[in-house]
């Protein structure tokens, strides 16, 4: 029989006195910081030998960084600024592109560790939470991949710590620190705008003294400074970034937006997979068990986690919610799960306690295994290859449907093939060929790995794809066709419009395969398109942002 859930969860906690002795506090903090430093050095060592090419997002943001701006089509400028700072010091290498991820992850872990000590009131639990933060797949991936989530989660964690200090220590200066973290986070990812609202709701729901609400206003005012360069850029670009944001949120109309009755189930299934199954279940149980608790520490973690997960549910009725969109919710959320584990680890009946501990061991083992497999994907490649069908012209690399790391492999091979094709065209035609792709995700990879880091264009909007940053660069072949008249293009993509008169002649497609141990991990189609004329104007359609 399961134990009764107490109404005051502070009563069910083991006394923290044994965990926080004055002569142990400094030792625990030192141990945590040494562990974080060791983890960062381990990640740097891994990056020096990593078998993974840049992810499409990483290459995309690196390409942004070659033209620094106040903002960009789909995101704020922070990730591009960080990449350019690193590459300016170390050169345009994959190692340099990923240095910001290691630094941001280390800073995030410092904030999470300090926050865990404060909310869980136990040095041992804080160290345990720190260890979990190093192996949980969503957080572990951010330690070596420079996507927007690395700096964003870093800013969110420090904003959490700042608000906690401001309220529980009555430290007014901490509101300023939290505001700075919100401003930097806003420059990284627009989800950061939800943070001040969540702080205000938490203070009202928890009935804290009204004086703290002025602190929230101060934090929001400072945080809003992060919007200034973004709004200026959008004003200059006819608010295209805002329109993209509305489209992503399902607040616009378009061919990919409509009512999706199973959207919430798809969203929750994505979160289940994102957290590796076990940790989603642990989080969901913790969220239900500690639903607005009388314990103010647990209430803090709940209000800065659960609402952010739930707010995406109505949006899922309109658009596909990407698994990482509510990622910030799990910074406080996994500490809430640790608190739930502590409760059932010690206070439940012996049979239930054994079940909790066994499932935890399985969940931890799965997390460690997934983190290792993500860094060394060749370990699971034979398993994936035995499941998927053979490649075809329509499905060039079926293994990519199962192995997410496949998107980070083969780009150097593709770039070498493209370079060889361009060399042949130069010999035959006496002029170099331009490079173009179908979607926004490929130009950065070719620009990074092709010889000389060439400019790569996108034919996306001519092929009914959505807008991207490449459509804002001028000149480009779609908006400035005359500037490219007569040019030869090497095009990488699934298709070109049948019967198009955009070129004098088309040759291809030529199939390029990238294999590891005989398994096709990546596949692409190349075309040689000579004599560019410009794409014909089509019937006006509602733009996809």
Protein backbone atom coordinates (compact mmCIF):
# COMPACT_ATOMS: atom_id res chain seq x y z
CA UNK A 1 0.00 0.00 0.00
CA UNK A 2 1.42 3.40 -1.01
CA UNK A 3 2.02 5.92 1.78
CA UNK A 4 -0.30 8.88 2.19
CA UNK A 5 0.93 12.05 0.48
CA UNK A 6 1.48 14.66 3.21
CA UNK A 7 -0.23 18.02 2.89
CA UNK A 8 2.85 19.89 4.01
CA UNK A 9 5.82 18.52 2.12
CA UNK A 10 8.33 20.17 4.41
CA UNK A 11 7.24 17.66 7.06
CA UNK A 12 8.26 14.71 4.88
CA UNK A 13 11.82 15.90 4.27
CA UNK A 14 14.70 14.45 6.21
CA UNK A 15 16.28 17.05 8.44
CA UNK A 16 18.90 19.01 6.46
CA UNK A 17 21.00 19.62 9.54
CA UNK A 18 23.19 16.61 8.91
CA UNK A 19 23.72 17.65 5.29
CA UNK A 20 24.69 21.27 5.86
CA UNK A 21 27.25 21.49 8.62
CA UNK A 22 29.33 24.68 8.67
CA UNK A 23 32.62 22.83 8.30
CA UNK A 24 31.28 20.88 5.32
CA UNK A 25 29.79 23.73 3.33
CA UNK A 26 33.05 24.95 1.87
CA UNK A 27 34.12 21.39 1.06
CA UNK A 28 30.87 20.68 -0.76
CA UNK A 29 31.08 23.86 -2.83
CA UNK A 30 34.72 23.17 -3.66
CA UNK A 31 33.83 19.62 -4.67
CA UNK A 32 31.03 20.83 -6.90
CA UNK A 33 33.21 23.41 -8.63
CA UNK A 34 36.02 20.88 -9.14
CA UNK A 35 33.50 18.46 -10.68
CA UNK A 36 32.23 21.17 -13.04
CA UNK A 37 35.77 22.12 -14.07
CA UNK A 38 36.63 18.46 -14.65
CA UNK A 39 33.51 17.98 -16.76
CA UNK A 40 34.36 21.05 -18.85
CA UNK A 41 37.91 19.81 -19.44
CA UNK A 42 36.55 16.39 -20.38
CA UNK A 43 34.22 18.02 -22.92
CA UNK A 44 37.09 20.05 -24.37
CA UNK A 45 39.14 16.87 -24.73
CA UNK A 46 36.21 15.19 -26.46
CA UNK A 47 35.75 18.09 -28.89
CA UNK A 48 39.38 17.80 -29.93
CA UNK A 49 38.70 14.27 -31.22
CA UNK A 50 34.94 14.40 -31.85
CA UNK A 51 33.73 12.29 -34.80
CA UNK A 52 30.75 14.60 -35.27
CA UNK A 53 30.61 17.36 -37.87
CA UNK A 54 28.82 20.59 -37.06
CA UNK A 55 25.07 20.19 -36.69
CA UNK A 56 23.05 22.10 -39.32
CA UNK A 57 22.01 24.62 -36.64
CA UNK A 58 25.63 25.14 -35.56
CA UNK A 59 26.79 25.69 -39.14
CA UNK A 60 23.83 28.01 -39.73
CA UNK A 61 24.74 30.18 -36.74
CA UNK A 62 28.41 30.15 -37.74
CA UNK A 63 27.36 31.45 -41.15
CA UNK A 64 25.41 34.19 -39.38
CA UNK A 65 28.53 35.10 -37.43
CA UNK A 66 30.38 35.93 -40.64
CA UNK A 67 28.01 38.90 -41.00
CA UNK A 68 27.46 40.23 -37.50
CA UNK A 69 24.20 42.06 -37.03
CA UNK A 70 21.85 43.28 -34.29
CA UNK A 71 19.55 40.32 -34.83
CA UNK A 72 18.67 37.64 -37.35
CA UNK A 73 15.66 36.18 -39.09
CA UNK A 74 14.66 33.52 -36.55
CA UNK A 75 16.73 34.26 -33.43
CA UNK A 76 18.45 36.99 -31.52
CA UNK A 77 22.14 37.71 -32.13
CA UNK A 78 23.77 36.21 -29.01
CA UNK A 79 24.72 32.82 -30.45
CA UNK A 80 26.32 34.43 -33.52
CA UNK A 81 28.21 36.91 -31.32
CA UNK A 82 29.58 34.09 -29.14
CA UNK A 83 30.67 32.00 -32.12
CA UNK A 84 32.39 34.95 -33.78
CA UNK A 85 34.23 35.83 -30.56
CA UNK A 86 35.50 32.27 -30.25
CA UNK A 87 36.43 31.92 -33.94
CA UNK A 88 38.21 35.29 -33.89
CA UNK A 89 40.53 33.88 -31.24
CA UNK A 90 40.90 30.28 -32.44
CA UNK A 91 40.04 30.35 -36.13
CA UNK A 92 37.06 29.01 -38.04
CA UNK A 93 37.21 25.44 -36.78
CA UNK A 94 34.56 23.13 -35.38
CA UNK A 95 36.42 23.18 -32.07
CA UNK A 96 36.20 26.97 -31.91
CA UNK A 97 32.51 26.98 -32.86
CA UNK A 98 31.77 24.65 -29.93
CA UNK A 99 33.85 26.37 -27.24
CA UNK A 100 30.88 28.61 -26.26
CA UNK A 101 28.80 25.49 -25.56
CA UNK A 102 31.37 24.17 -23.10
CA UNK A 103 31.67 27.53 -21.32
CA UNK A 104 27.91 28.11 -21.18
CA UNK A 105 27.29 24.60 -19.91
CA UNK A 106 29.88 25.03 -17.15
CA UNK A 107 28.31 28.33 -16.06
CA UNK A 108 24.86 26.74 -16.15
CA UNK A 109 26.00 23.87 -13.94
CA UNK A 110 27.45 26.32 -11.41
CA UNK A 111 24.08 28.08 -11.16
CA UNK A 112 22.16 24.79 -10.98
CA UNK A 113 24.45 23.50 -8.23
CA UNK A 114 24.09 26.66 -6.16
CA UNK A 115 20.33 26.68 -6.71
CA UNK A 116 20.09 23.02 -5.71
CA UNK A 117 21.90 23.73 -2.42
CA UNK A 118 19.44 26.50 -1.67
CA UNK A 119 16.19 24.78 -2.68
CA UNK A 120 16.94 21.19 -1.63
CA UNK A 121 18.79 22.30 1.51
CA UNK A 122 21.28 19.47 1.21
CA UNK A 123 24.85 19.46 -0.02
CA UNK A 124 24.65 15.78 -0.85
CA UNK A 125 21.50 16.24 -2.90
CA UNK A 126 23.02 19.26 -4.62
CA UNK A 127 26.04 17.19 -5.64
CA UNK A 128 23.72 14.41 -6.81
CA UNK A 129 21.70 16.92 -8.85
CA UNK A 130 24.92 18.25 -10.33
CA UNK A 131 25.90 14.76 -11.40
CA UNK A 132 22.50 14.23 -13.00
CA UNK A 133 22.83 17.53 -14.84
CA UNK A 134 26.00 16.19 -16.43
CA UNK A 135 24.42 13.01 -17.79
CA UNK A 136 20.81 13.94 -18.61
CA UNK A 137 20.75 13.76 -22.45
CA UNK A 138 19.11 17.19 -23.08
CA UNK A 139 21.64 18.96 -20.84
CA UNK A 140 24.58 16.76 -21.81
CA UNK A 141 24.11 17.49 -25.53
CA UNK A 142 24.21 21.21 -24.79
CA UNK A 143 27.67 20.78 -23.31
CA UNK A 144 29.24 20.12 -26.71
CA UNK A 145 26.86 21.61 -29.31
CA UNK A 146 26.60 25.37 -29.80
CA UNK A 147 22.92 25.77 -30.49
CA UNK A 148 20.88 28.59 -28.99
CA UNK A 149 19.97 26.36 -26.05
CA UNK A 150 23.49 26.43 -24.60
CA UNK A 151 23.61 30.18 -23.84
CA UNK A 152 19.84 30.34 -23.27
CA UNK A 153 19.80 27.69 -20.53
CA UNK A 154 22.84 29.34 -18.98
CA UNK A 155 20.99 32.68 -18.77
CA UNK A 156 17.79 31.05 -17.47
CA UNK A 157 19.66 29.22 -14.69
CA UNK A 158 21.36 32.41 -13.49
CA UNK A 159 18.06 34.29 -13.64
CA UNK A 160 16.56 31.56 -11.44
CA UNK A 161 19.41 31.89 -8.96
CA UNK A 162 19.11 35.69 -8.97
CA UNK A 163 15.37 35.65 -8.24
CA UNK A 164 15.84 33.08 -5.47
CA UNK A 165 18.49 35.23 -3.81
CA UNK A 166 16.40 38.37 -4.25
CA UNK A 167 13.34 36.89 -2.55
CA UNK A 168 14.69 34.44 0.02
CA UNK A 169 17.73 36.54 1.03
CA UNK A 170 15.96 39.87 0.46
CA UNK A 171 18.89 40.90 -1.74
CA UNK A 172 17.74 43.80 -3.90
CA UNK A 173 20.89 43.73 -6.01
CA UNK A 174 19.99 40.21 -7.09
CA UNK A 175 17.02 41.62 -9.01
CA UNK A 176 19.52 43.57 -11.12
CA UNK A 177 21.59 40.44 -11.73
CA UNK A 178 18.45 38.53 -12.71
CA UNK A 179 17.47 41.36 -15.06
CA UNK A 180 20.85 41.20 -16.78
CA UNK A 181 20.45 37.44 -17.20
CA UNK A 182 16.97 37.99 -18.70
CA UNK A 183 18.33 40.59 -21.13
CA UNK A 184 21.13 38.29 -22.29
CA UNK A 185 18.71 35.38 -22.53
CA UNK A 186 16.31 37.46 -24.63
CA UNK A 187 19.15 38.14 -27.05
CA UNK A 188 19.45 34.37 -27.36
CA UNK A 189 15.91 32.96 -27.37
CA UNK A 190 12.54 34.68 -27.17
CA UNK A 191 11.23 32.15 -24.62
CA UNK A 192 13.19 34.20 -22.06
CA UNK A 193 10.42 36.79 -22.22
CA UNK A 194 8.25 34.38 -20.21
CA UNK A 195 10.60 34.51 -17.22
CA UNK A 196 9.47 37.80 -15.61
CA UNK A 197 5.83 36.77 -16.04
CA UNK A 198 6.50 33.45 -14.32
CA UNK A 199 8.26 35.28 -11.46
CA UNK A 200 5.27 37.59 -11.01
CA UNK A 201 2.78 34.69 -11.01
CA UNK A 202 4.90 32.77 -8.48
CA UNK A 203 5.08 35.72 -6.09
CA UNK A 204 1.34 36.35 -6.28
CA UNK A 205 0.40 32.66 -5.97
CA UNK A 206 2.79 32.16 -3.06
CA UNK A 207 1.58 35.34 -1.32
CA UNK A 208 4.95 36.93 -0.85
CA UNK A 209 5.03 40.49 0.40
CA UNK A 210 4.13 43.04 -2.30
CA UNK A 211 7.54 44.72 -2.07
CA UNK A 212 9.06 41.93 -4.15
CA UNK A 213 6.77 42.81 -7.02
CA UNK A 214 8.72 46.02 -7.49
CA UNK A 215 11.79 43.81 -7.83
CA UNK A 216 10.09 41.87 -10.60
CA UNK A 217 9.28 45.15 -12.35
CA UNK A 218 12.92 46.21 -12.02
CA UNK A 219 14.08 42.85 -13.41
CA UNK A 220 11.61 43.09 -16.32
CA UNK A 221 12.72 46.63 -17.12
CA UNK A 222 16.38 45.63 -17.26
CA UNK A 223 15.53 42.45 -19.15
CA UNK A 224 13.59 44.40 -21.77
CA UNK A 225 16.85 46.05 -22.84
CA UNK A 226 17.63 42.78 -24.59
CA UNK A 227 14.73 43.51 -26.94
CA UNK A 228 16.13 46.83 -28.13
CA UNK A 229 18.56 45.57 -30.82
CA UNK A 230 16.06 42.90 -31.88
CA UNK A 231 13.25 45.42 -32.35
CA UNK A 232 15.51 47.86 -34.19
CA UNK A 233 16.60 45.10 -36.58
CA UNK A 234 13.01 43.94 -37.13
CA UNK A 235 11.88 47.50 -37.81
CA UNK A 236 14.58 47.75 -40.48
CA UNK A 237 13.50 44.39 -41.97
CA UNK A 238 9.75 45.06 -42.11
CA UNK A 239 9.18 42.96 -38.94
CA UNK A 240 10.01 39.72 -40.70
CA UNK A 241 11.37 38.14 -37.52
CA UNK A 242 8.15 38.93 -35.67
CA UNK A 243 6.13 37.39 -38.48
CA UNK A 244 8.32 34.29 -38.28
CA UNK A 245 7.72 34.09 -34.52
CA UNK A 246 3.96 34.37 -35.02
CA UNK A 247 4.09 31.64 -37.63
CA UNK A 248 6.07 29.33 -35.35
CA UNK A 249 3.56 29.92 -32.55
CA UNK A 250 0.59 29.13 -34.79
CA UNK A 251 -0.73 32.69 -34.58
CA UNK A 252 -0.63 33.14 -38.36
CA UNK A 253 -2.19 31.27 -41.26
CA UNK A 254 -0.45 29.14 -43.80
CA UNK A 255 -0.38 25.73 -45.49
CA UNK A 256 1.31 24.08 -42.49
CA UNK A 257 -0.91 25.67 -39.84
CA UNK A 258 -4.34 24.34 -38.90
CA UNK A 259 -6.20 22.62 -36.10
CA UNK A 260 -4.33 19.55 -34.84
CA UNK A 261 -6.54 17.61 -32.38
CA UNK A 262 -3.78 15.15 -31.51
CA UNK A 263 -1.22 17.92 -31.13
CA UNK A 264 -1.10 17.77 -27.30
CA UNK A 265 -0.46 14.02 -27.39
CA UNK A 266 2.27 14.52 -29.97
CA UNK A 267 3.76 17.26 -27.79
CA UNK A 268 3.78 15.10 -24.65
CA UNK A 269 5.22 12.16 -26.58
CA UNK A 270 8.00 14.45 -27.79
CA UNK A 271 8.73 15.53 -24.23
CA UNK A 272 8.74 11.90 -23.11
CA UNK A 273 11.39 11.10 -25.73
CA UNK A 274 13.30 14.33 -25.08
CA UNK A 275 13.76 13.42 -21.41
CA UNK A 276 14.56 9.78 -22.05
CA UNK A 277 11.28 8.37 -20.79
CA UNK A 278 12.14 7.81 -17.14
CA UNK A 279 12.92 11.44 -16.33
CA UNK A 280 9.71 12.64 -17.91
CA UNK A 281 7.76 10.24 -15.69
CA UNK A 282 9.73 11.32 -12.62
CA UNK A 283 9.14 14.96 -13.48
CA UNK A 284 5.42 14.45 -14.11
CA UNK A 285 5.02 12.64 -10.76
CA UNK A 286 6.96 15.38 -8.98
CA UNK A 287 4.86 18.08 -10.63
CA UNK A 288 1.67 16.35 -9.52
CA UNK A 289 2.90 15.47 -6.03
CA UNK A 290 4.19 18.95 -5.27
CA UNK A 291 1.44 20.85 -7.07
CA UNK A 292 1.62 24.25 -5.46
CA UNK A 293 3.20 23.11 -2.20
CA UNK A 294 3.22 24.87 1.15
CA UNK A 295 6.96 24.41 1.11
CA UNK A 296 8.13 27.65 -0.48
CA UNK A 297 11.31 26.12 -1.89
CA UNK A 298 9.37 23.43 -3.74
CA UNK A 299 6.78 26.00 -4.80
CA UNK A 300 9.59 28.07 -6.32
CA UNK A 301 10.74 25.09 -8.41
CA UNK A 302 7.15 24.23 -9.39
CA UNK A 303 6.13 27.70 -10.54
CA UNK A 304 9.30 28.13 -12.61
CA UNK A 305 8.76 24.82 -14.38
CA UNK A 306 5.25 23.43 -14.75
CA UNK A 307 3.57 26.56 -16.24
CA UNK A 308 6.18 26.73 -19.01
CA UNK A 309 5.51 23.09 -19.95
CA UNK A 310 1.75 23.63 -19.91
CA UNK A 311 1.78 26.89 -21.88
CA UNK A 312 2.83 25.01 -25.02
CA UNK A 313 -0.20 22.69 -24.89
CA UNK A 314 -2.66 25.10 -26.58
CA UNK A 315 -0.04 26.02 -29.18
CA UNK A 316 0.32 22.31 -30.01
CA UNK A 317 -3.24 22.40 -31.34
CA UNK A 318 -2.01 24.63 -34.14
CA UNK A 319 1.65 23.81 -34.82
CA UNK A 320 4.26 21.15 -34.24
CA UNK A 321 6.06 21.85 -30.94
CA UNK A 322 9.75 21.08 -31.18
CA UNK A 323 11.00 18.98 -28.23
CA UNK A 324 13.50 21.59 -27.03
CA UNK A 325 11.09 24.54 -26.88
CA UNK A 326 10.18 24.06 -23.18
CA UNK A 327 13.73 22.92 -22.26
CA UNK A 328 14.20 25.74 -19.74
CA UNK A 329 11.34 24.34 -17.65
CA UNK A 330 13.43 21.31 -16.79
CA UNK A 331 16.19 23.26 -15.05
CA UNK A 332 13.91 23.79 -12.06
CA UNK A 333 11.92 20.71 -13.03
CA UNK A 334 14.67 18.17 -12.59
CA UNK A 335 15.46 19.62 -9.15
CA UNK A 336 11.79 19.11 -8.36
CA UNK A 337 12.18 15.50 -9.53
CA UNK A 338 15.19 15.10 -7.23
CA UNK A 339 13.05 16.35 -4.33
CA UNK A 340 10.40 13.77 -5.23
CA UNK A 341 13.00 11.01 -5.37
CA UNK A 342 14.32 12.04 -1.95
CA UNK A 343 10.84 11.78 -0.47
CA UNK A 344 10.08 8.33 -1.85
CA UNK A 345 13.66 7.14 -1.40
CA UNK A 346 13.42 7.44 2.38
CA UNK A 347 9.78 7.70 3.47
CA UNK A 348 7.86 5.19 1.32
CA UNK A 349 7.08 1.60 2.20
CA UNK A 350 9.91 -0.88 1.67
CA UNK A 351 8.37 -2.49 -1.41
CA UNK A 352 7.60 0.84 -3.10
CA UNK A 353 10.99 2.22 -2.05
CA UNK A 354 12.73 -0.71 -3.74
CA UNK A 355 10.74 -0.07 -6.91
CA UNK A 356 11.69 3.63 -6.87
CA UNK A 357 15.36 2.83 -6.45
CA UNK A 358 15.34 0.14 -9.14
CA UNK A 359 13.66 2.44 -11.67
CA UNK A 360 16.08 5.23 -10.77
CA UNK A 361 19.02 2.92 -11.44
CA UNK A 362 17.55 1.98 -14.82
CA UNK A 363 16.84 5.62 -15.68
CA UNK A 364 20.32 6.72 -14.68
CA UNK A 365 21.90 3.86 -16.61
CA UNK A 366 19.87 4.76 -19.69
CA UNK A 367 20.87 8.43 -19.41
CA UNK A 368 24.56 7.62 -19.15
CA UNK A 369 24.30 5.17 -22.04
CA UNK A 370 22.46 7.68 -24.25
CA UNK A 371 25.01 10.41 -23.47
CA UNK A 372 27.88 8.11 -24.40
CA UNK A 373 26.09 6.87 -27.54
CA UNK A 374 25.39 10.46 -28.63
CA UNK A 375 29.09 11.27 -28.41
CA UNK A 376 30.24 8.03 -30.05
CA UNK A 377 27.40 7.15 -32.47
CA UNK A 378 29.33 4.36 -34.16
CA UNK A 379 28.54 2.21 -31.12
CA UNK A 380 24.85 1.91 -32.07
CA UNK A 381 25.18 2.21 -35.83
CA UNK A 382 25.09 -1.59 -36.46
CA UNK A 383 21.86 -1.81 -34.43
CA UNK A 384 20.18 0.98 -36.41
CA UNK A 385 21.44 -0.42 -39.71
CA UNK A 386 19.84 -3.81 -38.95
CA UNK A 387 16.43 -2.17 -38.50
CA UNK A 388 16.12 0.32 -41.35
CA UNK A 389 15.53 -0.60 -45.03
CA UNK A 390 18.09 -0.21 -47.78
CA UNK A 391 18.60 3.29 -49.23
CA UNK A 392 16.57 4.27 -52.29
CA UNK A 393 16.43 7.34 -54.54
CA UNK A 394 13.61 8.69 -52.40
CA UNK A 395 15.17 7.73 -49.05
CA UNK A 396 18.89 8.26 -49.41
CA UNK A 397 19.83 7.53 -45.78
CA UNK A 398 17.02 5.77 -43.87
CA UNK A 399 19.21 5.42 -40.78
CA UNK A 400 18.69 9.14 -40.14
CA UNK A 401 15.11 8.39 -39.13
CA UNK A 402 16.40 6.52 -36.06
CA UNK A 403 19.79 8.04 -35.33
CA UNK A 404 19.59 11.80 -34.63
CA UNK A 405 23.39 12.08 -34.65
CA UNK A 406 23.40 11.10 -38.34
CA UNK A 407 22.56 14.75 -39.07
CA UNK A 408 26.02 15.58 -37.72
CA UNK A 409 27.96 13.23 -39.98
CA UNK A 410 29.02 13.24 -43.59
CA UNK A 411 29.15 16.98 -44.22
CA UNK A 412 32.91 17.00 -44.77
CA UNK A 413 32.47 14.19 -47.30
CA UNK A 414 29.72 16.09 -49.12
CA UNK A 415 31.84 19.26 -49.17
CA UNK A 416 34.77 17.33 -50.69
CA UNK A 417 32.48 16.01 -53.45
CA UNK A 418 31.15 19.50 -54.11
CA UNK A 419 34.69 20.90 -54.27
CA UNK A 420 35.68 18.20 -56.78
CA UNK A 421 32.64 19.00 -58.91
CA UNK A 422 33.39 22.73 -58.82
CA UNK A 423 36.99 22.03 -59.85
CA UNK A 424 35.77 20.04 -62.84
CA UNK A 425 33.37 22.81 -63.86
CA UNK A 426 36.18 25.38 -63.58
CA UNK A 427 38.33 23.30 -65.93
CA UNK A 428 35.53 22.74 -68.42
CA UNK A 429 33.91 26.19 -68.38
CA UNK A 430 36.79 28.42 -67.40
CA UNK A 431 34.77 29.93 -64.54
CA UNK A 432 33.93 28.92 -60.99
CA UNK A 433 30.46 27.73 -60.06
CA UNK A 434 28.20 29.25 -57.45
CA UNK A 435 26.72 27.09 -54.70
CA UNK A 436 23.04 26.84 -53.79
CA UNK A 437 20.83 24.50 -51.79
CA UNK A 438 17.14 23.83 -51.36
CA UNK A 439 16.71 24.54 -47.62
CA UNK A 440 18.17 26.89 -45.03
CA UNK A 441 19.89 24.06 -43.12
CA UNK A 442 22.50 23.12 -45.74
CA UNK A 443 24.20 26.38 -46.87
CA UNK A 444 26.05 26.76 -43.56
CA UNK A 445 27.47 23.23 -43.79
CA UNK A 446 28.80 23.79 -47.31
CA UNK A 447 30.10 27.25 -46.44
CA UNK A 448 31.96 25.84 -43.44
CA UNK A 449 33.43 22.68 -44.96
CA UNK A 450 33.95 23.62 -48.61
CA UNK A 451 37.37 24.89 -49.57
CA UNK A 452 37.74 28.64 -48.98
CA UNK A 453 34.47 28.98 -47.02
CA UNK A 454 32.48 30.19 -50.05
CA UNK A 455 29.18 32.06 -49.95
CA UNK A 456 26.32 29.62 -50.38
CA UNK A 457 22.81 30.64 -51.45
CA UNK A 458 19.36 29.15 -50.95
CA UNK A 459 16.67 28.59 -53.59
CA UNK A 460 14.20 27.87 -50.80
CA UNK A 461 11.46 30.41 -51.41
CA UNK A 462 11.53 29.67 -55.15
CA UNK A 463 10.80 26.03 -54.25
CA UNK A 464 7.96 26.86 -51.83
CA UNK A 465 10.09 26.55 -48.72
CA UNK A 466 9.85 29.13 -45.92
CA UNK A 467 11.88 32.31 -45.69
CA UNK A 468 15.28 32.23 -44.02
CA UNK A 469 18.20 34.49 -43.24
CA UNK A 470 19.59 33.76 -46.71
CA UNK A 471 16.68 35.56 -48.35
CA UNK A 472 17.68 38.76 -46.54
CA UNK A 473 21.25 38.77 -47.84
CA UNK A 474 21.84 40.89 -50.88
CA UNK A 475 22.60 40.19 -53.56
CA UNK A 476 21.00 36.75 -53.79
CA UNK A 477 19.93 34.77 -56.87
CA UNK A 478 16.18 35.02 -56.17
CA UNK A 479 15.85 38.76 -55.49
CA UNK A 480 18.76 39.86 -57.73
CA UNK A 481 18.61 37.49 -60.67
CA UNK A 482 20.40 39.88 -63.03
CA UNK A 483 23.51 39.86 -60.81
CA UNK A 484 23.80 36.10 -61.38
CA UNK A 485 22.66 35.91 -65.01
CA UNK A 486 24.50 33.24 -67.00
CA UNK A 487 26.21 31.78 -63.94
CA UNK A 488 26.64 28.06 -63.30
CA UNK A 489 25.38 26.65 -60.02
CA UNK A 490 26.17 23.47 -58.16
CA UNK A 491 22.89 22.78 -56.45
CA UNK A 492 22.37 20.43 -53.48
CA UNK A 493 18.77 19.41 -52.90
CA UNK A 494 16.04 16.87 -53.37
CA UNK A 495 14.48 18.50 -56.38
CA UNK A 496 14.34 21.30 -58.89
CA UNK A 497 11.00 22.30 -60.44
CA UNK A 498 10.22 20.13 -63.45
CA UNK A 499 10.24 22.01 -66.70
CA UNK A 500 11.76 25.12 -65.12
CA UNK A 501 13.37 27.60 -67.46
CA UNK A 502 15.52 29.09 -64.71
CA UNK A 503 18.62 27.56 -66.37
CA UNK A 504 19.82 26.92 -69.87
CA UNK A 505 20.67 23.32 -68.97
CA UNK A 506 20.50 20.91 -66.05
CA UNK A 507 22.71 17.87 -65.43
CA UNK A 508 21.92 15.44 -62.65
CA UNK A 509 21.02 14.49 -60.13
CA UNK A 510 24.31 12.94 -59.04
CA UNK A 511 23.96 10.86 -55.90
CA UNK A 512 26.48 11.29 -53.09
CA UNK A 513 26.62 8.77 -50.26
CA UNK A 514 28.53 8.88 -47.02
CA UNK A 515 29.19 5.49 -45.44
CA UNK A 516 30.51 4.35 -42.08
CA UNK A 517 31.43 0.69 -41.85
CA UNK A 518 29.42 0.06 -45.00
CA UNK A 519 26.28 1.75 -43.67
CA UNK A 520 24.87 4.76 -45.56
CA UNK A 521 24.70 7.49 -42.93
CA UNK A 522 24.20 10.45 -45.26
CA UNK A 523 22.90 10.92 -48.78
CA UNK A 524 22.44 13.94 -51.04
CA UNK A 525 21.60 14.80 -54.65
CA UNK A 526 23.78 17.21 -56.64
CA UNK A 527 22.86 19.03 -59.83
CA UNK A 528 24.89 21.13 -62.26
CA UNK A 529 22.72 23.99 -63.50
CA UNK A 530 24.26 26.14 -66.22
CA UNK A 531 23.16 29.49 -67.60
CA UNK A 532 21.08 30.96 -64.78
CA UNK A 533 18.14 33.06 -66.00
CA UNK A 534 16.22 33.61 -62.80
CA UNK A 535 13.20 31.74 -61.49
CA UNK A 536 9.93 32.66 -63.18
CA UNK A 537 7.39 34.61 -61.20
CA UNK A 538 4.62 32.45 -59.83
CA UNK A 539 1.09 33.11 -58.77
CA UNK A 540 1.16 35.09 -55.55
CA UNK A 541 1.06 32.84 -52.50
CA UNK A 542 0.95 33.62 -48.83
CA UNK A 543 4.61 33.70 -47.72
CA UNK A 544 5.79 31.06 -45.25
CA UNK A 545 7.70 32.56 -42.37
